[in-house]
Amino acid sequence: MPRSSALAGEGWQDDTRFAESLVRSRAASGYGPLYVRAELSTHGLPGEAIAAALEGFEGDWTANARDLVRRRFGPAGPADLAQRRKAADLLARRGFDGDSIRAATRWDPDE
């Protein structure tokens, strides 16, 4: 879909604001940075805008991954290896990176 420069000129369309808003929205919905990056690229945004929006995210992707695991598996986290695998699969589908997945599925309540 072509962009209207008239909309951008009037301040109604701003790729930077859109990208930052989408990052915040998807992170709050339990999606990771890989998913968000892929979704942003489907909107035809330049790579620099995508990178800037992800770098400007003030949240913690690992904490988001842990919160999602807690919501799905309870406050104690995955109870056994099978549940840890299910949690890791969930996080991978949601676009979290390997470090966040490992940190969220090797649950340690003292962390």
Protein backbone atom coordinates (compact mmCIF):
# COMPACT_ATOMS: atom_id res chain seq x y z
CA MET A 1 0.00 0.00 0.00
CA PRO A 2 1.63 3.30 -1.03
CA ARG A 3 2.19 5.91 1.64
CA SER A 4 0.81 9.37 1.26
CA SER A 5 3.45 12.03 1.69
CA ALA A 6 0.62 14.48 2.37
CA LEU A 7 -0.29 12.50 5.50
CA ALA A 8 3.31 12.43 6.66
CA GLY A 9 3.67 16.14 5.90
CA GLU A 10 0.67 16.95 8.04
CA GLY A 11 2.01 14.88 10.94
CA TRP A 12 -0.69 12.22 10.67
CA GLN A 13 1.71 9.50 9.65
CA ASP A 14 5.03 8.98 11.39
CA ASP A 15 6.95 5.74 10.87
CA THR A 16 8.98 6.25 14.03
CA ARG A 17 5.93 6.73 16.26
CA PHE A 18 4.17 3.80 14.60
CA ALA A 19 7.17 1.50 15.09
CA GLU A 20 7.64 2.49 18.74
CA SER A 21 3.94 2.03 19.44
CA LEU A 22 3.88 -1.41 17.82
CA VAL A 23 6.95 -2.52 19.81
CA ARG A 24 5.31 -1.46 23.09
CA SER A 25 1.98 -3.04 22.16
CA ARG A 26 3.41 -6.39 21.11
CA ALA A 27 5.79 -6.56 24.08
CA ALA A 28 2.84 -5.95 26.43
CA SER A 29 0.96 -8.75 24.64
CA GLY A 30 3.75 -11.28 25.29
CA TYR A 31 5.68 -11.19 22.03
CA GLY A 32 9.45 -11.11 21.74
CA PRO A 33 11.82 -9.00 19.67
CA LEU A 34 12.17 -11.47 16.78
CA TYR A 35 8.41 -11.55 16.25
CA VAL A 36 8.14 -7.77 16.55
CA ARG A 37 11.00 -7.22 14.08
CA ALA A 38 9.31 -9.54 11.56
CA GLU A 39 5.96 -7.80 11.97
CA LEU A 40 7.50 -4.36 11.57
CA SER A 41 9.18 -5.46 8.35
CA THR A 42 5.79 -6.48 6.91
CA HIS A 43 4.72 -2.83 7.21
CA GLY A 44 7.42 -1.70 4.80
CA LEU A 45 9.42 0.22 7.36
CA PRO A 46 13.10 0.84 6.67
CA GLY A 47 15.57 -1.30 8.62
CA GLU A 48 16.91 1.74 10.47
CA ALA A 49 13.44 2.60 11.82
CA ILE A 50 12.91 -1.00 12.95
CA ALA A 51 16.30 -1.17 14.67
CA ALA A 52 15.75 2.20 16.36
CA ALA A 53 12.32 1.19 17.65
CA LEU A 54 13.64 -2.08 19.10
CA GLU A 55 16.70 -0.40 20.63
CA GLY A 56 14.50 2.32 22.11
CA PHE A 57 12.29 -0.21 23.89
CA GLU A 58 12.65 0.48 27.59
CA GLY A 59 11.34 -2.88 28.76
CA ASP A 60 13.20 -6.09 29.48
CA TRP A 61 12.62 -8.87 26.95
CA THR A 62 13.81 -11.57 29.40
CA ALA A 63 11.44 -10.30 32.09
CA ASN A 64 8.62 -10.35 29.53
CA ALA A 65 9.48 -13.97 28.69
CA ARG A 66 9.47 -14.90 32.39
CA ASP A 67 6.11 -13.18 32.90
CA LEU A 68 4.60 -15.12 30.00
CA VAL A 69 5.92 -18.42 31.42
CA ARG A 70 4.50 -17.52 34.85
CA ARG A 71 1.10 -16.75 33.35
CA ARG A 72 1.04 -20.07 31.49
CA PHE A 73 2.68 -22.39 34.05
CA GLY A 74 1.98 -20.73 37.39
CA PRO A 75 4.21 -18.78 39.77
CA ALA A 76 6.60 -21.69 40.29
CA GLY A 77 7.30 -21.94 36.56
CA PRO A 78 7.65 -25.17 34.58
CA ALA A 79 7.65 -28.14 36.97
CA ASP A 80 9.56 -30.69 34.89
CA LEU A 81 11.52 -31.14 31.68
CA ALA A 82 8.39 -31.66 29.56
CA GLN A 83 6.87 -28.40 30.81
CA ARG A 84 10.19 -26.59 30.28
CA ARG A 85 10.17 -27.79 26.67
CA LYS A 86 6.59 -26.61 26.22
CA ALA A 87 7.52 -23.25 27.71
CA ALA A 88 10.57 -22.97 25.43
CA ASP A 89 8.44 -23.84 22.38
CA LEU A 90 5.89 -21.20 23.38
CA LEU A 91 8.57 -18.54 23.76
CA ALA A 92 10.20 -19.46 20.46
CA ARG A 93 6.84 -19.19 18.66
CA ARG A 94 6.35 -15.81 20.32
CA GLY A 95 9.67 -14.55 18.99
CA PHE A 96 11.99 -14.57 22.00
CA ASP A 97 15.71 -15.16 21.49
CA GLY A 98 17.64 -18.11 22.88
CA ASP A 99 19.07 -16.25 25.87
CA SER A 100 15.63 -15.08 27.00
CA ILE A 101 14.19 -18.55 26.49
CA ARG A 102 16.94 -20.18 28.55
CA ALA A 103 16.58 -17.61 31.33
CA ALA A 104 12.79 -17.96 31.45
CA THR A 105 12.63 -21.75 31.37
CA ARG A 106 15.41 -22.44 33.87
CA TRP A 107 13.27 -20.98 36.57
CA ASP A 108 14.98 -19.78 39.71
CA PRO A 109 12.70 -17.79 42.04
CA ASP A 110 15.74 -16.03 43.52
CA GLU A 111 16.63 -14.37 40.20
